[in-house]
Amino acid sequence: MTYARLIFLALLMACGFVWAPPVYGQDSANVSLGDCTGLMGKEYISDGQDYKARLNKNNMARFHTVFYGGNRYCLVACSNIEDHRLIMKVYDSERNLLFDNTRHHHTPLWHLEFNSTVPCVVEIKVEAEQHIDRLVKLMIGFRKPDQTRQMPEQ
């Protein structure tokens, strides 16, 4: 292989590492508070609420919300806690578990779709022996309306 080709391949690989999109897998750190919005994606719009809370003495924060029927939502859990994964669970008003991210490799985001309006509690928790006095954030977004649909003429 020529010297020019080696340099070209080295530059190509370096560019790939610099421009590679972020990957969130089982072994990645929690999504930081500052990166929360970017994880939601462009197809979702934030509901405009600021869901931030300090973890209580049980290392848990609870957020109450209503999910409206016929909508698809994106939930994102974020913190600056580096040594402990966030556990995100969604319950309906009768405490039926609707989602548990521990069953999905502690993913920081999830999409939920509701056929009817449901009041829910979203819990974000950290499993740790000592109290962690840190902020956690929940972002809730709903899918943007489909722009390809035409409004009927009146």
N, C-alpha and C. Protein backbone atom coordinates (compact mmCIF):
# COMPACT_ATOMS: atom_id res chain seq x y z
N MET A 1 0.84 -1.17 0.00
CA MET A 1 0.00 0.00 0.00
C MET A 1 0.89 1.24 0.00
N THR A 2 0.52 2.22 -0.75
CA THR A 2 1.34 3.42 -0.84
C THR A 2 1.15 4.31 0.37
N TYR A 3 2.11 5.19 0.56
CA TYR A 3 2.08 6.14 1.67
C TYR A 3 0.85 7.04 1.59
N ALA A 4 0.48 7.47 0.40
CA ALA A 4 -0.69 8.36 0.20
C ALA A 4 -1.98 7.64 0.60
N ARG A 5 -2.09 6.38 0.26
CA ARG A 5 -3.29 5.61 0.62
C ARG A 5 -3.39 5.43 2.13
N LEU A 6 -2.27 5.19 2.80
CA LEU A 6 -2.28 5.05 4.25
C LEU A 6 -2.73 6.34 4.93
N ILE A 7 -2.23 7.45 4.43
CA ILE A 7 -2.65 8.74 4.99
C ILE A 7 -4.14 8.97 4.74
N PHE A 8 -4.60 8.65 3.53
CA PHE A 8 -6.02 8.82 3.21
C PHE A 8 -6.88 7.95 4.12
N LEU A 9 -6.51 6.71 4.34
CA LEU A 9 -7.29 5.82 5.21
C LEU A 9 -7.27 6.30 6.67
N ALA A 10 -6.12 6.80 7.12
CA ALA A 10 -6.03 7.33 8.48
C ALA A 10 -6.93 8.54 8.64
N LEU A 11 -6.95 9.44 7.67
CA LEU A 11 -7.83 10.61 7.73
C LEU A 11 -9.30 10.20 7.68
N LEU A 12 -9.63 9.24 6.85
CA LEU A 12 -11.00 8.76 6.74
C LEU A 12 -11.47 8.17 8.07
N MET A 13 -10.63 7.38 8.71
CA MET A 13 -11.00 6.80 10.00
C MET A 13 -11.12 7.87 11.06
N ALA A 14 -10.25 8.85 11.08
CA ALA A 14 -10.31 9.93 12.06
C ALA A 14 -11.59 10.73 11.90
N CYS A 15 -11.97 11.00 10.66
CA CYS A 15 -13.23 11.73 10.41
C CYS A 15 -14.42 10.91 10.88
N GLY A 16 -14.37 9.62 10.69
CA GLY A 16 -15.46 8.76 11.14
C GLY A 16 -15.64 8.81 12.64
N PHE A 17 -14.54 8.86 13.39
CA PHE A 17 -14.63 8.95 14.84
C PHE A 17 -15.14 10.31 15.29
N VAL A 18 -14.75 11.36 14.60
CA VAL A 18 -15.17 12.71 14.98
C VAL A 18 -16.64 12.92 14.68
N TRP A 19 -17.11 12.47 13.51
CA TRP A 19 -18.47 12.73 13.09
C TRP A 19 -19.45 11.61 13.41
N ALA A 20 -19.02 10.60 14.12
CA ALA A 20 -19.91 9.48 14.45
C ALA A 20 -21.00 9.95 15.39
N PRO A 21 -22.25 9.54 15.15
CA PRO A 21 -23.34 9.95 16.04
C PRO A 21 -23.19 9.29 17.40
N PRO A 22 -23.73 9.90 18.47
CA PRO A 22 -23.63 9.28 19.78
C PRO A 22 -24.43 7.99 19.83
N VAL A 23 -23.93 7.04 20.58
CA VAL A 23 -24.60 5.76 20.74
C VAL A 23 -24.90 5.58 22.21
N TYR A 24 -26.14 5.27 22.53
CA TYR A 24 -26.54 5.05 23.91
C TYR A 24 -26.87 3.58 24.07
N GLY A 25 -26.02 2.87 24.72
CA GLY A 25 -26.22 1.44 24.90
C GLY A 25 -26.24 1.10 26.37
N GLN A 26 -26.24 -0.17 26.64
CA GLN A 26 -26.34 -0.66 28.00
C GLN A 26 -25.19 -0.17 28.87
N ASP A 27 -24.00 -0.04 28.33
CA ASP A 27 -22.85 0.33 29.13
C ASP A 27 -22.54 1.82 29.12
N SER A 28 -23.38 2.64 28.48
CA SER A 28 -23.10 4.07 28.42
C SER A 28 -23.51 4.74 29.72
N ALA A 29 -22.95 5.92 29.95
CA ALA A 29 -23.30 6.70 31.15
C ALA A 29 -24.69 7.29 30.96
N ASN A 30 -25.25 7.81 32.06
CA ASN A 30 -26.54 8.48 31.99
C ASN A 30 -26.45 9.68 31.06
N VAL A 31 -27.58 10.04 30.50
CA VAL A 31 -27.65 11.22 29.67
C VAL A 31 -27.60 12.43 30.59
N SER A 32 -26.70 13.37 30.32
CA SER A 32 -26.55 14.52 31.20
C SER A 32 -27.74 15.47 31.05
N LEU A 33 -27.92 16.30 32.05
CA LEU A 33 -29.04 17.25 32.05
C LEU A 33 -29.00 18.14 30.82
N GLY A 34 -27.82 18.54 30.39
CA GLY A 34 -27.69 19.41 29.23
C GLY A 34 -27.99 18.74 27.90
N ASP A 35 -27.85 17.41 27.84
CA ASP A 35 -28.06 16.68 26.59
C ASP A 35 -29.47 16.12 26.45
N CYS A 36 -30.30 16.34 27.42
CA CYS A 36 -31.64 15.75 27.45
C CYS A 36 -32.47 16.10 26.21
N THR A 37 -32.47 17.37 25.85
CA THR A 37 -33.29 17.83 24.74
C THR A 37 -32.87 17.19 23.43
N GLY A 38 -31.58 17.06 23.20
CA GLY A 38 -31.09 16.51 21.95
C GLY A 38 -31.44 15.05 21.75
N LEU A 39 -31.64 14.32 22.83
CA LEU A 39 -31.95 12.90 22.72
C LEU A 39 -33.38 12.67 22.24
N MET A 40 -34.26 13.62 22.49
CA MET A 40 -35.67 13.45 22.14
C MET A 40 -35.88 13.32 20.64
N GLY A 41 -35.11 14.00 19.85
CA GLY A 41 -35.25 13.91 18.40
C GLY A 41 -36.14 15.00 17.84
N LYS A 42 -35.98 15.23 16.56
CA LYS A 42 -36.69 16.33 15.90
C LYS A 42 -38.15 16.03 15.63
N GLU A 43 -38.54 14.77 15.68
CA GLU A 43 -39.94 14.45 15.38
C GLU A 43 -40.86 14.64 16.60
N TYR A 44 -40.28 15.04 17.73
CA TYR A 44 -41.05 15.28 18.95
C TYR A 44 -40.90 16.72 19.41
N ILE A 45 -41.97 17.23 20.01
CA ILE A 45 -42.00 18.59 20.57
C ILE A 45 -42.17 18.45 22.08
N SER A 46 -41.35 19.17 22.83
CA SER A 46 -41.48 19.14 24.29
C SER A 46 -42.86 19.65 24.69
N ASP A 47 -43.40 19.08 25.76
CA ASP A 47 -44.71 19.55 26.24
C ASP A 47 -44.60 20.89 26.96
N GLY A 48 -43.39 21.42 27.08
CA GLY A 48 -43.19 22.74 27.66
C GLY A 48 -43.05 22.76 29.17
N GLN A 49 -43.23 21.64 29.82
CA GLN A 49 -43.11 21.58 31.27
C GLN A 49 -41.65 21.34 31.65
N ASP A 50 -41.27 21.83 32.81
CA ASP A 50 -39.92 21.64 33.32
C ASP A 50 -39.98 20.64 34.47
N TYR A 51 -39.72 19.38 34.17
CA TYR A 51 -39.80 18.32 35.17
C TYR A 51 -38.40 18.09 35.74
N LYS A 52 -38.04 18.84 36.78
CA LYS A 52 -36.77 18.65 37.48
C LYS A 52 -37.09 18.47 38.95
N ALA A 53 -36.33 17.60 39.59
CA ALA A 53 -36.52 17.39 41.03
C ALA A 53 -35.24 16.83 41.62
N ARG A 54 -35.04 17.11 42.91
CA ARG A 54 -33.95 16.48 43.65
C ARG A 54 -34.44 15.11 44.10
N LEU A 55 -33.54 14.16 44.09
CA LEU A 55 -33.88 12.84 44.59
C LEU A 55 -34.22 12.93 46.07
N ASN A 56 -35.27 12.24 46.50
CA ASN A 56 -35.64 12.24 47.92
C ASN A 56 -34.73 11.29 48.69
N LYS A 57 -35.02 11.06 49.97
CA LYS A 57 -34.15 10.22 50.79
C LYS A 57 -34.10 8.78 50.31
N ASN A 58 -35.09 8.37 49.50
CA ASN A 58 -35.09 7.03 48.91
C ASN A 58 -34.47 7.03 47.51
N ASN A 59 -33.81 8.14 47.16
CA ASN A 59 -33.18 8.30 45.84
C ASN A 59 -34.19 8.16 44.71
N MET A 60 -35.35 8.78 44.89
CA MET A 60 -36.42 8.72 43.90
C MET A 60 -37.05 10.09 43.72
N ALA A 61 -37.52 10.34 42.52
CA ALA A 61 -38.30 11.54 42.23
C ALA A 61 -39.55 11.09 41.47
N ARG A 62 -40.68 11.70 41.79
CA ARG A 62 -41.95 11.36 41.14
C ARG A 62 -42.48 12.57 40.39
N PHE A 63 -42.99 12.29 39.20
CA PHE A 63 -43.58 13.33 38.36
C PHE A 63 -44.98 12.88 37.96
N HIS A 64 -45.95 13.75 38.16
CA HIS A 64 -47.34 13.45 37.79
C HIS A 64 -47.66 14.15 36.48
N THR A 65 -48.29 13.41 35.58
CA THR A 65 -48.64 13.97 34.27
C THR A 65 -49.87 13.25 33.72
N VAL A 66 -50.39 13.78 32.65
CA VAL A 66 -51.52 13.16 31.95
C VAL A 66 -51.09 12.94 30.51
N PHE A 67 -51.26 11.71 30.04
CA PHE A 67 -51.01 11.39 28.64
C PHE A 67 -52.37 11.30 27.95
N TYR A 68 -52.51 12.04 26.85
CA TYR A 68 -53.79 12.13 26.17
C TYR A 68 -53.90 11.09 25.07
N GLY A 69 -55.08 10.52 24.95
CA GLY A 69 -55.35 9.48 23.97
C GLY A 69 -55.09 9.95 22.55
N GLY A 70 -54.62 9.03 21.72
CA GLY A 70 -54.35 9.33 20.33
C GLY A 70 -53.01 9.99 20.09
N ASN A 71 -52.17 10.07 21.10
CA ASN A 71 -50.86 10.70 20.97
C ASN A 71 -49.75 9.71 21.25
N ARG A 72 -48.62 9.96 20.63
CA ARG A 72 -47.40 9.18 20.87
C ARG A 72 -46.43 10.11 21.58
N TYR A 73 -45.86 9.64 22.68
CA TYR A 73 -44.99 10.45 23.52
C TYR A 73 -43.58 9.86 23.55
N CYS A 74 -42.61 10.74 23.79
CA CYS A 74 -41.23 10.35 24.01
C CYS A 74 -40.86 10.81 25.42
N LEU A 75 -40.40 9.90 26.25
CA LEU A 75 -39.96 10.21 27.61
C LEU A 75 -38.45 10.05 27.66
N VAL A 76 -37.77 11.03 28.27
CA VAL A 76 -36.32 11.00 28.41
C VAL A 76 -35.97 11.29 29.86
N ALA A 77 -35.17 10.43 30.47
CA ALA A 77 -34.71 10.62 31.84
C ALA A 77 -33.23 11.02 31.81
N CYS A 78 -32.89 12.08 32.56
CA CYS A 78 -31.52 12.61 32.53
C CYS A 78 -31.05 12.94 33.93
N SER A 79 -29.73 12.90 34.10
CA SER A 79 -29.11 13.34 35.34
C SER A 79 -27.63 13.54 35.09
N ASN A 80 -26.96 14.14 36.06
CA ASN A 80 -25.50 14.23 36.01
C ASN A 80 -24.87 13.25 36.98
N ILE A 81 -25.61 12.22 37.36
CA ILE A 81 -25.11 11.19 38.25
C ILE A 81 -24.35 10.18 37.39
N GLU A 82 -23.07 10.04 37.65
CA GLU A 82 -22.24 9.22 36.78
C GLU A 82 -22.12 7.76 37.21
N ASP A 83 -22.20 7.49 38.49
CA ASP A 83 -21.89 6.14 38.97
C ASP A 83 -23.10 5.22 39.10
N HIS A 84 -24.30 5.74 38.89
CA HIS A 84 -25.50 4.94 39.06
C HIS A 84 -26.45 5.18 37.90
N ARG A 85 -26.99 4.12 37.37
CA ARG A 85 -27.94 4.21 36.27
C ARG A 85 -29.30 4.70 36.78
N LEU A 86 -29.99 5.43 35.91
CA LEU A 86 -31.34 5.86 36.24
C LEU A 86 -32.33 4.75 35.93
N ILE A 87 -33.27 4.59 36.82
CA ILE A 87 -34.38 3.65 36.61
C ILE A 87 -35.61 4.50 36.38
N MET A 88 -36.27 4.31 35.26
CA MET A 88 -37.47 5.07 34.92
C MET A 88 -38.65 4.09 34.81
N LYS A 89 -39.68 4.37 35.59
CA LYS A 89 -40.89 3.55 35.55
C LYS A 89 -42.09 4.46 35.37
N VAL A 90 -43.06 3.98 34.60
CA VAL A 90 -44.30 4.71 34.36
C VAL A 90 -45.45 3.86 34.86
N TYR A 91 -46.28 4.47 35.72
CA TYR A 91 -47.45 3.79 36.28
C TYR A 91 -48.71 4.56 35.92
N ASP A 92 -49.82 3.85 35.75
CA ASP A 92 -51.09 4.55 35.60
C ASP A 92 -51.63 4.89 36.99
N SER A 93 -52.81 5.50 37.06
CA SER A 93 -53.34 5.98 38.33
C SER A 93 -53.69 4.86 39.30
N GLU A 94 -53.80 3.63 38.81
CA GLU A 94 -54.09 2.48 39.67
C GLU A 94 -52.81 1.70 39.99
N ARG A 95 -51.69 2.30 39.74
CA ARG A 95 -50.36 1.76 40.02
C ARG A 95 -50.01 0.53 39.17
N ASN A 96 -50.63 0.42 37.99
CA ASN A 96 -50.26 -0.63 37.04
C ASN A 96 -49.01 -0.16 36.30
N LEU A 97 -48.01 -1.00 36.24
CA LEU A 97 -46.75 -0.66 35.59
C LEU A 97 -46.95 -0.67 34.08
N LEU A 98 -46.67 0.47 33.44
CA LEU A 98 -46.79 0.60 31.99
C LEU A 98 -45.44 0.47 31.29
N PHE A 99 -44.38 0.89 31.98
CA PHE A 99 -43.04 0.81 31.41
C PHE A 99 -42.01 0.75 32.53
N ASP A 100 -40.95 -0.02 32.29
CA ASP A 100 -39.84 -0.16 33.24
C ASP A 100 -38.57 -0.27 32.41
N ASN A 101 -37.70 0.74 32.49
CA ASN A 101 -36.51 0.72 31.63
C ASN A 101 -35.47 -0.33 32.05
N THR A 102 -35.60 -0.92 33.24
CA THR A 102 -34.67 -1.99 33.61
C THR A 102 -34.89 -3.23 32.74
N ARG A 103 -36.03 -3.32 32.14
CA ARG A 103 -36.32 -4.45 31.23
C ARG A 103 -35.79 -4.17 29.83
N HIS A 104 -35.22 -2.98 29.64
CA HIS A 104 -34.73 -2.56 28.33
C HIS A 104 -33.34 -1.93 28.45
N HIS A 105 -32.46 -2.57 29.20
CA HIS A 105 -31.05 -2.17 29.34
C HIS A 105 -30.89 -0.74 29.85
N HIS A 106 -31.80 -0.29 30.72
CA HIS A 106 -31.74 1.04 31.32
C HIS A 106 -31.74 2.16 30.27
N THR A 107 -32.45 1.96 29.19
CA THR A 107 -32.52 2.99 28.16
C THR A 107 -32.99 4.31 28.76
N PRO A 108 -32.39 5.43 28.38
CA PRO A 108 -32.80 6.71 28.94
C PRO A 108 -34.05 7.29 28.27
N LEU A 109 -34.49 6.69 27.16
CA LEU A 109 -35.69 7.21 26.51
C LEU A 109 -36.60 6.08 26.06
N TRP A 110 -37.88 6.42 25.96
CA TRP A 110 -38.86 5.44 25.53
C TRP A 110 -40.02 6.15 24.88
N HIS A 111 -40.65 5.46 23.94
CA HIS A 111 -41.82 5.99 23.24
C HIS A 111 -43.05 5.24 23.73
N LEU A 112 -44.07 5.98 24.10
CA LEU A 112 -45.32 5.40 24.56
C LEU A 112 -46.46 5.98 23.74
N GLU A 113 -47.43 5.13 23.44
CA GLU A 113 -48.61 5.58 22.70
C GLU A 113 -49.84 5.23 23.52
N PHE A 114 -50.78 6.15 23.57
CA PHE A 114 -51.97 5.96 24.38
C PHE A 114 -53.22 6.05 23.52
N ASN A 115 -54.13 5.09 23.72
CA ASN A 115 -55.40 5.09 23.00
C ASN A 115 -56.44 5.94 23.72
N SER A 116 -56.29 6.07 25.03
CA SER A 116 -57.21 6.89 25.81
C SER A 116 -56.40 7.74 26.77
N THR A 117 -57.02 8.76 27.32
CA THR A 117 -56.33 9.65 28.25
C THR A 117 -56.08 8.95 29.57
N VAL A 118 -54.83 9.03 30.04
CA VAL A 118 -54.42 8.30 31.22
C VAL A 118 -53.57 9.20 32.12
N PRO A 119 -54.03 9.44 33.37
CA PRO A 119 -53.13 10.12 34.32
C PRO A 119 -52.06 9.13 34.77
N CYS A 120 -50.82 9.59 34.83
CA CYS A 120 -49.71 8.68 35.15
C CYS A 120 -48.74 9.31 36.14
N VAL A 121 -47.95 8.43 36.74
CA VAL A 121 -46.83 8.83 37.58
C VAL A 121 -45.58 8.25 36.94
N VAL A 122 -44.59 9.12 36.73
CA VAL A 122 -43.29 8.69 36.21
C VAL A 122 -42.31 8.79 37.37
N GLU A 123 -41.68 7.67 37.68
CA GLU A 123 -40.68 7.64 38.75
C GLU A 123 -39.29 7.50 38.14
N ILE A 124 -38.39 8.32 38.64
CA ILE A 124 -36.97 8.18 38.29
C ILE A 124 -36.25 7.87 39.59
N LYS A 125 -35.48 6.80 39.56
CA LYS A 125 -34.86 6.30 40.78
C LYS A 125 -33.41 5.92 40.50
N VAL A 126 -32.61 5.98 41.56
CA VAL A 126 -31.23 5.51 41.53
C VAL A 126 -31.08 4.50 42.65
N GLU A 127 -30.56 3.31 42.33
CA GLU A 127 -30.31 2.32 43.37
C GLU A 127 -28.92 2.57 43.94
N ALA A 128 -28.90 3.06 45.17
CA ALA A 128 -27.64 3.33 45.86
C ALA A 128 -27.88 3.18 47.36
N GLU A 129 -26.85 2.77 48.07
CA GLU A 129 -26.98 2.59 49.52
C GLU A 129 -27.06 3.92 50.25
N GLN A 130 -26.36 4.92 49.78
CA GLN A 130 -26.38 6.23 50.42
C GLN A 130 -27.30 7.17 49.63
N HIS A 131 -27.76 8.24 50.30
CA HIS A 131 -28.59 9.24 49.64
C HIS A 131 -27.74 10.04 48.65
N ILE A 132 -28.27 10.21 47.45
CA ILE A 132 -27.60 11.01 46.43
C ILE A 132 -28.42 12.28 46.25
N ASP A 133 -27.90 13.38 46.72
CA ASP A 133 -28.60 14.66 46.69
C ASP A 133 -28.32 15.35 45.35
N ARG A 134 -28.95 14.87 44.30
CA ARG A 134 -28.71 15.39 42.96
C ARG A 134 -30.04 15.61 42.24
N LEU A 135 -29.99 16.43 41.20
CA LEU A 135 -31.15 16.67 40.36
C LEU A 135 -31.31 15.58 39.32
N VAL A 136 -32.56 15.28 39.01
CA VAL A 136 -32.89 14.45 37.85
C VAL A 136 -33.89 15.25 37.03
N LYS A 137 -33.95 14.92 35.77
CA LYS A 137 -34.85 15.64 34.87
C LYS A 137 -35.60 14.64 34.02
N LEU A 138 -36.87 14.94 33.79
CA LEU A 138 -37.70 14.16 32.89
C LEU A 138 -38.16 15.09 31.79
N MET A 139 -38.01 14.66 30.56
CA MET A 139 -38.57 15.41 29.44
C MET A 139 -39.66 14.57 28.82
N ILE A 140 -40.76 15.23 28.52
CA ILE A 140 -41.87 14.57 27.85
C ILE A 140 -42.15 15.35 26.57
N GLY A 141 -42.14 14.65 25.48
CA GLY A 141 -42.45 15.27 24.20
C GLY A 141 -43.55 14.50 23.51
N PHE A 142 -44.27 15.18 22.66
CA PHE A 142 -45.28 14.48 21.86
C PHE A 142 -44.91 14.61 20.40
N ARG A 143 -45.32 13.61 19.63
CA ARG A 143 -44.96 13.57 18.22
C ARG A 143 -45.60 14.74 17.49
N LYS A 144 -44.79 15.37 16.63
CA LYS A 144 -45.30 16.46 15.82
C LYS A 144 -46.40 15.94 14.89
N PRO A 145 -47.37 16.78 14.59
CA PRO A 145 -48.40 16.36 13.63
C PRO A 145 -47.79 16.04 12.28
N ASP A 146 -48.38 15.09 11.60
CA ASP A 146 -47.90 14.68 10.28
C ASP A 146 -48.17 15.81 9.29
N GLN A 147 -47.11 16.38 8.73
CA GLN A 147 -47.24 17.51 7.83
C GLN A 147 -47.73 17.09 6.44
N THR A 148 -47.70 15.81 6.15
CA THR A 148 -48.12 15.36 4.81
C THR A 148 -49.63 15.27 4.68
N ARG A 149 -50.34 15.22 5.79
CA ARG A 149 -51.79 15.16 5.72
C ARG A 149 -52.34 16.51 5.28
N GLN A 150 -53.27 16.46 4.40
CA GLN A 150 -53.90 17.67 3.91
C GLN A 150 -55.15 17.94 4.71
N MET A 151 -55.34 19.20 5.05
CA MET A 151 -56.58 19.60 5.73
C MET A 151 -57.70 19.59 4.70
N PRO A 152 -58.88 19.07 5.09
CA PRO A 152 -59.99 19.07 4.12
C PRO A 152 -60.42 20.52 3.83
N GLU A 153 -60.73 20.76 2.58
CA GLU A 153 -61.18 22.09 2.20
C GLU A 153 -62.58 22.32 2.70
N GLN A 154 -62.83 23.54 3.12
CA GLN A 154 -64.14 23.88 3.70
C GLN A 154 -65.01 24.51 2.65
